[in-house]
Amino acid sequence: MIGQLHQVIHEIEHHWAGKRLLVVGDVMLDKYIWGEVGRISPEAPVPVVRRTQHEEKPGGAANVAMNIARLGAKTVVAGITGGDEDEWLLATRLRAAGVTPHLIAADGYPTISKTRILGGRQQMLRLDFEQLGSVPQTAIDRLRETALALLPGSHALVLSDYAKGAITPEISGSLIREARKLGIPILVDPKGVDYSHYKGATTISPNRGELARATRMEADDLDALLTAAEAMVSDLELEFMTATLSEKGIALVRPGNRVIAPALARQVFDVSGAGDTVIAVLALCMASGLKPETAVQLANVAAGIVVGKVGTVPVEKHELLAALSPQIALHAEDRVLTRGDLTSRVDLWKANGETVVFTNGCYDLLHVGHITLLEKARRLGDRLIVAINSDESVRCLKGPTRPIVSERERARVLAALAAVDAVVIFGEETPIEVILAVKPDVLVKGGDYKADDVVGAKEVRSWGGRVEIVPLVEGYSTTRLIEKGAGR
């Protein structure tokens, strides 16, 4: 269960779009050649892959930036490339995703690229194109100057170190010192065995193997490994460490304290890029002021999504919220929404390909007839919105003695029903404004209505939706309950 769930949902839906994050590190271009394997080569005992399609995606630090951007935040990435065609492809893909690239071209240093050849979902071969050796100092100097200039105004800094030469001790030290002066959280995805040049960061996020090499411990001895990690947190003056442990989840380590947030059980197709997703989510959580415990829980959810994809594919904002839906369902208060919140939630549902159903009413003194209608309405799609009349609107319709139950109470009770995904209150005479705002796929009304007479029917049909009339359950009504209570 995600801690601070209400705040998490609010941050994702409303505040992540206002965050600006800076990613500095080893940018790459990931190339994929997809094909079919139908035979073994007569030249050597290797499969023959007949190419069917290809694509290029940002990788390395650029994939971290892609993850942050797909989760809704403003993202800037700085790294070193080669001033070649692959740099152009990388910059083009980044801009198309809403990421602002600052790529420093280095003489004699081609843009790093990795070409993966896949037969179906199975990776057959990977070809790496990179220049081994040190990056030219002039490029390092320009990267440091560029990153320092981009740092003010950022809500978090991510140093994505793939040990390709961009994150030198000089660059990491300069950026960490300046970020601390500005009060900006610093997250590091580390490489190598010497983490001393990350000293002063907010957190570093190694995987289990990287942590074992850095601490010179056995990866299989988790208790000893995390004990060494606790000492490292103190030595490096970190606030905490977030170590990814593959199928075991993510460990949040502080001196004298450790917590492991368990991984979510998912079918794993490809773990490439999962670490980038984790640090992207952690960075957004830190930028939003969420607790580290909440951050690692949310990062686990995101990692569970991305390992179910093939290749370095960023997690999408709507996918993350969809993965949180079962937990949202257990918190009724998170399903009572303002009209603006509702439209945002509906956009995410539709991005997931879900069918949205809409119904409305007063729902004063909830009874079996109401429940039956709502359950039948929910079966007509994937998500059910219930719009209820405000107290003033009910008085206009039913008279000065109604409603019996206030709008907030009615909304809260409806939101607690398993069939209901969202409740919104409207004060107009009819719900037409809400219908136009959310554009449901199915409009449901109960009773003896004719479909053509239902408010919003014409509009729903205009965008390809349909209208459904659900018969009422005989013998149940709010008026009858009131009369019964009055002894009539």
Foldseek 3Di string as FASTA:
>chain_A
DFPPVLVVLCCLLPPLLVAEEEEEEQKAKEKEFEFAWDDADPVDRATDGDTDDMDIDIDFSLLLQLQSLLSNYQYEYEYEAAPDPRVVVHCVRCVVSRYHYDYQHAHPWHGWYKYWYDHVLRTRDIDIDTDDDETDVVSLVVRLVVRLVVQPPHLAYEYGYPPRHNDDLVSLQSVLVSCVVVVHAYEYADADQDCLSNANHQEYEYELVRLCSNQVHDSVPVVVSLQSLQVVCVVSVYNWYWYQHPQQFIWTHHNVDIDGQGADDADFSAQPQLSSQLVSQLNSCSSVVHDSSSSRNLSSLLSRVQRVDRDNDHGHSLSSVVSCQVVVLQPLVSQEDELVSVQSNLVSCVVVVWAEEEEEEACQPPDPQNVVQLQVRLVVIPAYEYEHEAQQLCCVVPNDVDDPDHPVVSSSVVSNDSSHRHYYYDHDNDCLVSCVSNLGQEYEDEDDDDLVPDVCSVVNVVVPHHYYYDYTDPPDDPVVVVCVVVVD
